[in-house]
Protein backbone atom coordinates (compact mmCIF):
# COMPACT_ATOMS: atom_id res chain seq x y z
CA MET A 1 0.00 0.00 0.00
CA PRO A 2 1.66 3.26 -1.09
CA ASN A 3 2.15 6.37 1.00
CA THR A 4 1.36 4.78 4.36
CA PRO A 5 2.81 6.38 7.51
CA TRP A 6 4.07 3.04 8.76
CA SER A 7 5.98 0.03 7.48
CA ALA A 8 3.52 -2.62 6.33
CA THR A 9 4.57 -5.42 8.65
CA SER A 10 2.58 -6.98 11.44
CA GLN A 11 3.08 -6.52 15.16
CA ASN A 12 5.07 -3.28 15.10
CA LEU A 13 5.37 -2.73 18.84
CA GLY A 14 5.58 0.79 20.21
CA GLN A 15 6.11 2.37 16.80
CA ASP A 16 5.34 6.06 16.31
CA PHE A 17 2.40 6.72 14.01
CA HIS A 18 1.41 9.91 12.20
CA ASN A 19 -1.37 10.89 9.89
CA TRP A 20 -1.08 12.36 6.39
CA SER A 21 -0.68 15.97 7.52
CA GLY A 22 1.71 15.13 10.35
CA GLY A 23 -0.58 16.93 12.78
CA LEU A 24 -1.53 13.75 14.64
CA ARG A 25 1.35 11.83 16.19
CA PHE A 26 0.91 9.05 18.69
CA ARG A 27 2.32 5.68 19.71
CA PRO A 28 -0.07 2.72 19.76
CA SER A 29 1.00 -0.20 21.92
CA ARG A 30 1.08 -2.28 18.75
CA LEU A 31 0.21 -1.95 15.08
CA ASP A 32 -1.04 -4.98 13.20
CA VAL A 33 -1.53 -5.32 9.44
CA PRO A 34 -3.61 -8.50 9.01
CA GLU A 35 -4.06 -9.99 5.57
CA ASP A 36 -7.35 -11.80 6.16
CA GLU A 37 -10.48 -11.33 8.24
CA GLU A 38 -9.81 -14.41 10.38
CA THR A 39 -6.69 -12.68 11.69
CA VAL A 40 -8.71 -9.51 12.36
CA ALA A 41 -11.21 -11.60 14.32
CA ALA A 42 -8.42 -13.24 16.32
CA LEU A 43 -6.95 -9.83 17.16
CA VAL A 44 -10.31 -8.58 18.41
CA ARG A 45 -10.85 -11.70 20.51
CA ALA A 46 -7.40 -11.30 22.04
CA ALA A 47 -8.10 -7.65 22.81
CA ALA A 48 -11.36 -8.65 24.50
CA ARG A 49 -9.61 -11.24 26.68
CA GLN A 50 -7.02 -8.67 27.72
CA GLY A 51 -9.52 -5.85 28.27
CA ARG A 52 -7.85 -3.68 25.64
CA SER A 53 -9.27 -1.36 22.99
CA ILE A 54 -8.65 -1.81 19.27
CA ARG A 55 -9.06 0.71 16.47
CA PRO A 56 -8.98 0.26 12.68
CA VAL A 57 -7.17 2.74 10.45
CA GLY A 58 -7.18 3.22 6.69
CA SER A 59 -4.86 5.58 4.84
CA ALA A 60 -4.66 8.00 7.81
CA HIS A 61 -5.81 10.96 5.74
CA SER A 62 -8.22 12.01 8.51
CA SER A 63 -7.14 14.93 10.67
CA SER A 64 -9.54 14.26 13.55
CA GLU A 65 -8.63 11.91 16.39
CA ILE A 66 -11.04 9.10 15.48
CA TYR A 67 -8.20 6.54 15.28
CA VAL A 68 -5.77 7.98 17.82
CA THR A 69 -5.01 5.36 20.47
CA ASP A 70 -2.30 4.24 22.85
CA ASP A 71 -3.63 0.70 22.57
CA ILE A 72 -4.02 -1.61 19.54
CA LEU A 73 -4.17 -0.11 16.04
CA VAL A 74 -5.15 -2.31 13.09
CA SER A 75 -4.30 -1.23 9.57
CA MET A 76 -6.62 -2.70 6.95
CA ALA A 77 -4.02 -2.32 4.18
CA GLY A 78 -3.61 -6.09 3.89
CA ILE A 79 -7.27 -6.72 3.03
CA CYS A 80 -7.59 -5.08 -0.34
CA GLY A 81 -8.41 -5.56 -3.97
CA LEU A 82 -11.32 -6.71 -6.09
CA ARG A 83 -12.67 -10.03 -4.80
CA GLU A 84 -15.62 -10.53 -7.15
CA HIS A 85 -17.86 -8.44 -9.37
CA ASP A 86 -21.19 -8.52 -11.18
CA ALA A 87 -20.90 -6.38 -14.29
CA GLN A 88 -24.57 -6.84 -15.18
CA HIS A 89 -25.80 -5.35 -11.90
CA HIS A 90 -22.77 -3.07 -11.41
CA ARG A 91 -21.73 -4.45 -8.06
CA ALA A 92 -18.37 -5.50 -6.69
CA THR A 93 -17.03 -6.94 -3.46
CA VAL A 94 -13.73 -5.37 -2.48
CA GLY A 95 -11.40 -5.31 0.50
CA ALA A 96 -12.08 -2.55 3.00
CA GLY A 97 -8.39 -1.67 2.93
CA SER A 98 -8.40 -0.97 -0.82
CA GLN A 99 -7.15 2.49 -1.69
CA LEU A 100 -9.56 4.22 -4.05
CA THR A 101 -6.77 5.04 -6.51
CA GLU A 102 -5.67 1.41 -6.89
CA LEU A 103 -9.17 -0.05 -6.69
CA SER A 104 -10.36 2.23 -9.49
CA LYS A 105 -7.83 0.69 -11.86
CA GLU A 106 -9.15 -2.78 -11.08
CA LEU A 107 -12.74 -1.62 -11.51
CA GLN A 108 -11.83 0.04 -14.80
CA ALA A 109 -10.57 -3.29 -16.11
CA ALA A 110 -13.92 -4.79 -15.07
CA GLY A 111 -15.86 -2.04 -16.85
CA MET A 112 -17.09 -0.23 -13.73
CA THR A 113 -16.43 2.89 -11.71
CA LEU A 114 -17.44 4.61 -8.51
CA SER A 115 -20.18 7.18 -9.08
CA ASN A 116 -18.16 9.98 -7.53
CA PHE A 117 -14.91 10.89 -5.81
CA GLY A 118 -13.64 13.58 -3.50
CA ASP A 119 -10.70 15.88 -4.23
CA VAL A 120 -8.32 13.08 -3.29
CA ALA A 121 -8.56 9.34 -3.76
CA THR A 122 -5.94 8.08 -1.32
CA GLN A 123 -8.58 7.02 1.19
CA THR A 124 -9.39 3.38 1.73
CA VAL A 125 -12.86 2.06 0.96
CA GLY A 126 -13.53 1.42 4.64
CA GLY A 127 -12.29 4.85 5.64
CA ALA A 128 -14.30 6.64 2.96
CA ILE A 129 -17.47 4.80 3.95
CA GLY A 130 -16.86 5.14 7.67
CA THR A 131 -16.27 8.90 7.64
CA GLY A 132 -18.74 9.94 4.93
CA THR A 133 -16.16 11.04 2.36
CA HIS A 134 -17.90 12.92 -0.45
CA GLY A 135 -17.36 14.69 -3.71
CA SER A 136 -19.65 17.32 -5.16
CA GLY A 137 -22.83 17.34 -7.22
CA ARG A 138 -26.49 17.88 -6.42
CA ASP A 139 -27.34 14.32 -7.50
CA PHE A 140 -24.54 12.57 -5.60
CA PRO A 141 -24.60 11.56 -1.92
CA ASN A 142 -21.46 10.77 0.05
CA LEU A 143 -19.52 7.61 -0.73
CA SER A 144 -21.00 5.67 2.21
CA MET A 145 -24.17 5.24 0.16
CA MET A 146 -22.40 2.85 -2.22
CA LEU A 147 -22.24 0.26 0.60
CA VAL A 148 -24.99 -2.33 0.09
CA GLY A 149 -23.51 -5.32 1.91
CA GLY A 150 -20.38 -6.98 3.16
CA ARG A 151 -18.68 -8.49 6.18
CA LEU A 152 -17.33 -7.10 9.42
CA VAL A 153 -15.69 -8.34 12.60
CA THR A 154 -17.78 -7.66 15.68
CA ALA A 155 -16.59 -6.64 19.15
CA GLY A 156 -16.86 -10.29 20.14
CA GLY A 157 -14.47 -11.34 17.39
CA GLU A 158 -17.16 -12.91 15.22
CA ILE A 159 -17.43 -12.45 11.46
CA ARG A 160 -20.83 -11.06 10.53
CA THR A 161 -22.35 -10.78 7.05
CA PHE A 162 -24.80 -7.96 6.35
CA ASP A 163 -27.00 -6.83 3.47
CA VAL A 164 -28.97 -3.62 3.09
CA GLU A 165 -32.04 -5.49 1.81
CA GLU A 166 -32.16 -7.68 4.92
CA GLU A 167 -30.99 -5.18 7.57
CA PRO A 168 -31.63 -1.68 6.24
CA ASP A 169 -31.46 0.06 9.61
CA PHE A 170 -28.24 -1.67 10.59
CA VAL A 171 -26.59 -0.60 7.32
CA ARG A 172 -27.86 2.96 7.79
CA ALA A 173 -26.15 3.00 11.18
CA LEU A 174 -23.01 1.27 9.90
CA ARG A 175 -22.30 3.42 6.86
CA VAL A 176 -20.94 6.44 8.73
CA SER A 177 -19.76 4.95 12.03
CA PHE A 178 -15.95 5.29 11.74
CA GLY A 179 -15.23 1.78 12.99
CA THR A 180 -17.32 1.92 16.17
CA LEU A 181 -19.80 -0.84 15.24
CA GLY A 182 -17.20 -3.29 13.98
CA ILE A 183 -14.23 -3.57 11.66
CA LEU A 184 -15.21 -3.75 8.00
CA THR A 185 -13.29 -6.41 6.09
CA TRP A 186 -15.11 -6.94 2.80
CA THR A 187 -17.56 -4.48 1.29
CA THR A 188 -20.10 -4.92 -1.50
CA LEU A 189 -20.48 -1.69 -3.44
CA LYS A 190 -23.08 -0.35 -5.84
CA LEU A 191 -21.20 1.10 -8.82
CA GLU A 192 -21.75 2.52 -12.31
CA PRO A 193 -20.75 1.34 -15.78
CA LEU A 194 -17.39 2.78 -16.79
CA HIS A 195 -17.70 6.10 -18.61
CA ASP A 196 -15.75 9.24 -19.35
CA LEU A 197 -16.29 12.74 -18.00
CA HIS A 198 -15.27 16.08 -19.46
CA ARG A 199 -13.68 18.37 -16.86
CA GLN A 200 -13.52 22.13 -17.23
CA GLU A 201 -12.20 24.70 -14.79
CA TRP A 202 -13.10 28.36 -15.11
CA CYS A 203 -11.75 31.40 -13.24
CA LEU A 204 -13.84 34.46 -12.41
CA ALA A 205 -14.48 37.02 -9.69
CA PHE A 206 -16.45 36.10 -6.56
CA GLU A 207 -19.54 38.25 -7.09
CA PRO A 208 -20.29 37.14 -10.67
CA CYS A 209 -19.99 33.52 -9.53
CA MET A 210 -22.50 34.00 -6.73
CA GLU A 211 -24.97 35.63 -9.12
CA VAL A 212 -25.18 32.46 -11.23
CA LEU A 213 -24.35 29.91 -8.51
CA ASP A 214 -27.71 28.15 -8.53
CA LYS A 215 -27.64 27.81 -12.32
CA LEU A 216 -24.08 26.47 -12.28
CA SER A 217 -24.85 23.88 -9.62
CA ARG A 218 -27.94 22.62 -11.45
CA GLU A 219 -26.71 22.37 -15.02
CA ASN A 220 -23.49 20.43 -14.33
CA ARG A 221 -23.17 16.78 -13.28
CA ASN A 222 -20.49 17.77 -10.79
CA PHE A 223 -19.91 21.33 -9.69
CA ASP A 224 -17.89 22.96 -6.94
CA PHE A 225 -15.58 25.90 -6.52
CA TYR A 226 -12.62 27.27 -4.63
CA TRP A 227 -12.61 30.81 -3.27
CA TYR A 228 -9.18 32.42 -2.92
CA PRO A 229 -9.19 35.02 -0.10
CA ARG A 230 -6.25 37.14 -1.24
CA SER A 231 -7.36 37.57 -4.86
CA ASP A 232 -11.11 37.35 -4.10
CA GLU A 233 -11.46 35.15 -7.15
CA VAL A 234 -12.99 31.72 -7.56
CA LYS A 235 -12.18 28.68 -9.65
CA ILE A 236 -15.27 26.70 -10.62
CA ARG A 237 -14.91 23.04 -11.55
CA CYS A 238 -17.52 21.47 -13.81
CA LEU A 239 -17.75 17.85 -14.97
CA ASN A 240 -20.20 16.50 -17.52
CA PRO A 241 -20.54 13.65 -20.01
CA PRO A 242 -18.51 14.40 -23.15
CA GLY A 243 -20.57 16.52 -25.51
CA GLU A 244 -22.60 18.05 -22.66
CA GLU A 245 -19.97 20.50 -21.42
CA LYS A 246 -20.97 24.14 -20.94
CA ASP A 247 -19.43 27.33 -22.30
CA TYR A 248 -18.97 30.03 -19.67
CA GLY A 249 -16.61 32.12 -21.77
CA ALA A 250 -18.94 35.12 -21.55
CA PHE A 251 -18.07 35.69 -17.89
CA ALA A 252 -15.13 33.38 -17.03
CA ARG A 253 -11.70 32.34 -18.28
CA LEU A 254 -11.12 28.68 -19.16
CA ALA A 255 -8.22 27.26 -17.13
CA LYS A 256 -8.50 23.51 -17.77
CA ASP A 257 -10.19 21.29 -20.32
CA GLU A 258 -9.73 17.51 -20.29
CA THR A 259 -11.58 14.21 -20.64
CA GLY A 260 -11.09 10.87 -18.91
CA PRO A 261 -12.64 8.27 -16.59
CA PRO A 262 -13.99 9.56 -13.26
CA HIS A 263 -11.07 8.34 -11.17
CA GLU A 264 -8.66 10.36 -13.32
CA VAL A 265 -10.56 13.62 -13.80
CA ILE A 266 -12.44 14.10 -10.48
CA PRO A 267 -9.76 13.57 -7.79
CA GLN A 268 -6.81 15.70 -8.86
CA HIS A 269 -5.16 16.52 -5.54
CA SER A 270 -4.15 13.05 -4.33
CA ASP A 271 -0.42 13.81 -4.63
CA LEU A 272 -0.23 17.28 -3.13
CA PRO A 273 3.34 18.00 -1.99
CA HIS A 274 2.15 20.36 0.75
CA ARG A 275 0.26 19.33 3.86
CA PHE A 276 -2.67 21.12 5.44
CA GLU A 277 -5.17 20.94 8.28
CA GLU A 278 -8.87 21.17 7.51
CA MET A 279 -12.21 21.97 9.09
CA GLU A 280 -15.42 21.24 7.21
CA TYR A 281 -19.08 21.75 8.01
CA SER A 282 -22.16 20.87 5.96
CA MET A 283 -25.35 22.88 6.19
CA PRO A 284 -28.69 22.87 4.34
CA ALA A 285 -28.02 23.71 0.69
CA GLU A 286 -30.14 26.84 0.84
CA ALA A 287 -28.02 28.18 3.73
CA GLY A 288 -24.70 27.67 1.96
CA PRO A 289 -24.37 30.92 0.00
CA GLU A 290 -25.22 33.12 3.00
CA CYS A 291 -22.82 31.18 5.21
CA LEU A 292 -20.04 31.55 2.66
CA GLY A 293 -20.71 35.28 2.45
CA LYS A 294 -20.29 35.68 6.20
CA LEU A 295 -17.15 33.54 6.22
CA ARG A 296 -15.72 35.63 3.41
CA ALA A 297 -16.40 38.85 5.30
CA ARG A 298 -14.79 37.51 8.48
CA ILE A 299 -11.72 36.24 6.65
CA LYS A 300 -11.23 39.51 4.78
CA GLU A 301 -11.60 41.39 8.07
CA ARG A 302 -9.35 39.26 10.31
CA TRP A 303 -7.46 36.52 8.49
CA ARG A 304 -6.53 37.58 4.99
CA ARG A 305 -2.92 38.35 5.89
CA SER A 306 -2.21 35.14 7.83
CA VAL A 307 -4.31 32.61 5.92
CA GLY A 308 -3.90 32.39 2.17
CA TRP A 309 -5.50 28.99 1.68
CA ARG A 310 -8.63 28.63 -0.42
CA LEU A 311 -12.09 27.64 0.79
CA LEU A 312 -13.89 24.75 -0.93
CA PHE A 313 -17.66 24.90 -1.57
CA ARG A 314 -19.40 21.64 -2.57
CA TYR A 315 -22.89 20.15 -2.98
CA ILE A 316 -24.02 16.84 -1.44
CA LYS A 317 -27.29 15.00 -2.04
CA ALA A 318 -29.36 14.04 1.00
CA ASP A 319 -28.98 10.48 2.29
CA ASP A 320 -30.27 8.22 5.06
CA SER A 321 -27.01 7.25 6.80
CA TRP A 322 -27.74 8.09 10.43
CA LEU A 323 -24.56 10.03 11.23
CA SER A 324 -24.05 11.49 7.77
CA GLU A 325 -23.43 15.22 7.35
CA ALA A 326 -26.21 15.16 4.74
CA TYR A 327 -28.70 12.99 6.63
CA GLY A 328 -32.20 14.00 5.55
CA ARG A 329 -31.24 17.17 3.72
CA ASN A 330 -29.58 18.31 0.51
CA SER A 331 -26.44 20.00 1.71
CA VAL A 332 -23.56 22.29 0.95
CA SER A 333 -20.17 21.69 2.54
CA ILE A 334 -17.63 24.42 3.20
CA SER A 335 -14.03 23.46 3.94
CA LEU A 336 -11.42 25.68 5.59
CA HIS A 337 -7.71 24.96 5.15
CA GLN A 338 -4.45 26.11 6.65
CA ASN A 339 -0.85 25.05 6.15
CA ALA A 340 -0.05 22.19 8.53
CA THR A 341 3.12 23.93 9.69
CA LEU A 342 1.29 27.13 10.69
CA PRO A 343 -1.14 27.87 13.55
CA TYR A 344 -4.66 26.91 12.52
CA TRP A 345 -6.89 26.47 15.60
CA ASP A 346 -7.58 30.17 16.22
CA PHE A 347 -8.60 30.54 12.58
CA PHE A 348 -10.85 27.48 12.67
CA LEU A 349 -12.43 28.33 16.02
CA ASP A 350 -13.19 31.88 14.92
CA LEU A 351 -15.10 30.67 11.85
CA GLU A 352 -16.68 27.53 13.30
CA PRO A 353 -19.56 29.42 15.03
CA ILE A 354 -20.59 30.96 11.71
CA MET A 355 -21.00 27.52 10.17
CA ARG A 356 -22.81 26.22 13.24
CA ASP A 357 -25.19 29.20 13.11
CA HIS A 358 -26.23 28.05 9.64
CA GLY A 359 -27.15 24.54 10.74
CA GLY A 360 -23.71 23.08 10.14
CA ARG A 361 -22.73 19.52 10.96
CA PRO A 362 -19.00 18.74 11.22
CA HIS A 363 -17.15 16.29 9.01
CA TRP A 364 -16.13 13.41 11.29
CA ALA A 365 -12.67 13.06 9.76
CA LYS A 366 -11.73 16.74 10.02
CA LYS A 367 -11.12 19.27 12.76
CA HIS A 368 -14.02 20.47 14.91
CA SER A 369 -14.59 21.30 18.56
CA LEU A 370 -17.95 19.61 19.19
CA ARG A 371 -18.72 16.86 21.68
CA ALA A 372 -21.82 14.86 22.55
CA ALA A 373 -23.90 17.69 24.02
CA GLU A 374 -23.49 19.80 20.87
CA LEU A 375 -23.67 16.89 18.42
CA ARG A 376 -26.85 15.19 19.63
CA PRO A 377 -29.26 17.95 18.48
CA LEU A 378 -27.74 17.92 14.99
CA TYR A 379 -28.58 14.30 14.16
CA PRO A 380 -32.22 13.11 14.34
CA MET A 381 -31.08 9.47 14.59
CA TRP A 382 -28.39 10.10 17.22
CA ASP A 383 -30.05 8.14 20.01
CA ARG A 384 -30.89 5.22 17.73
CA PHE A 385 -27.28 5.10 16.56
CA LEU A 386 -26.03 5.05 20.15
CA ALA A 387 -28.41 2.19 20.92
CA VAL A 388 -27.02 0.17 18.00
CA ARG A 389 -23.47 0.99 19.07
CA GLN A 390 -24.19 -0.17 22.62
CA GLU A 391 -25.73 -3.39 21.32
CA MET A 392 -22.81 -4.08 18.98
CA ASP A 393 -20.04 -3.12 21.42
CA PRO A 394 -21.32 -3.05 25.01
CA GLY A 395 -17.79 -3.22 26.40
CA GLY A 396 -16.49 -0.28 24.37
CA ARG A 397 -13.87 -2.40 22.62
CA PHE A 398 -13.79 -0.01 19.64
CA LEU A 399 -13.86 3.20 21.69
CA THR A 400 -11.12 5.58 22.79
CA PRO A 401 -11.29 8.56 25.17
CA TYR A 402 -11.87 10.85 22.18
CA LEU A 403 -14.74 8.73 20.87
CA ARG A 404 -16.29 8.46 24.32
CA GLY A 405 -16.33 12.25 24.37
CA LEU A 406 -18.04 12.36 20.99
CA PHE A 407 -20.73 9.92 22.05
CA GLY A 408 -21.04 10.92 25.70
CA CYS A 409 -20.43 7.41 26.98
C-alpha cells in the first residue's frame, strides 16, 4: 500500500504513528496489518480477553482523532483488492483496505467505476465509507451510500455478514460509524458502468460567480468551486458527459479542459506536496451561500494576511445514513484549510460558530470542537445510533477517550 505512515509489517510494537498531515502523532501499543479477516477476528478476541481497545485505520488521511489510540491499532491495508464483481448489476465486493486510486484501476478493467470521488482518492474504501467522504454534485450523496452489503468483525471477534435489503437500519447506522460498530473487512459496493467525463475549470471574480451559482450547480453533473481570499477570485470546476460541457466564456476564463474516466478527472489533488489541516461543516443547501458570504467577510476582516488557503464549496445530495453530514437534507459543505506547519486552531475556532449558526454539521474526519452535548441535536437518529453501538459493542472495545467524548459514553 503506497504512502502509508508506517511500514507494512505486522506486530510493530511501540512504533510512532502519524497521519497524512503530520498533525496527529501518537504511539499505539502495537500496530497490526492483518491480511485476512480471520486474523482480524483473532486480534479482536485477544483484545477482549485482555480488556484492551482496538481501532482500525485506513490511509490516515483524517485529521480528527477518530483513530488515535495508545492501545491496539489495526491497519486494513492487507485486506484489499477486487474479490468478485457482477458487471450486469454493477456491483463488486472489495477489501475494506483498498485504496480508491488502486481499486479504481481494477474496476476500470472490469468495466465499472465509482459514481463519484472527492478531491483526493488516497482514502481506503472502509475509511471513505466510515467517515462519509464525499465529492460534489447535487445528485450525488457521500460515498458511504455505495455500501450495500459486506462483512465485518464484531466486538466479540465474530465475522458477521450484512445486506442492506435484509438489515436496512443496521446498514444505515453502519455506513458512517468510523469503525465503532465493527471492523469492516469486505464491502459490496453499488457502482456505475465505466464512462468518461469532461472536466472544465473556469476562473472568475467572486460576485459574478454568486450571481449564477444556482444555475451552475444545477446544469453540471459535478460542480464545486474554490474561493481564494487574497485575490477574491474563484475557480469553478464542472464535470459532464462528453458533448454536454458548458461554455462560460462570456463571464469566465477557461483554465483547464480535459476528458477521462472519473477516477482520473475528479480527484486531482491526491499527490499534493504540501500538507494542510482542515475543518469542514455541511449545512442545508439553501443556507450555503449566505454562510459563505459571512465567512468571506470575516476572513477579509481578520485573516486575509495570515491565511492564504482557499475555501472549498461543494454540494451533497441528502442520504439516510444516520450520522451522515447530509442525513435527511440536501447539503452544501464548506471546507477551511491552513498550512499544517502554521497555527490553525484560532482561525478554525473563529469561523466555526458561523457555520454552526447556519445549521452546520462537522465532518467526522476533520477538525471540529464539538462533543456529545453539541452533536446530539444535529442528528435526528443520534439516540438510535447510540443504541445500535451499545448493542454491537457493550464493552467499548472499539472506543477511545476521544470517541467516548463524541458519544457521551
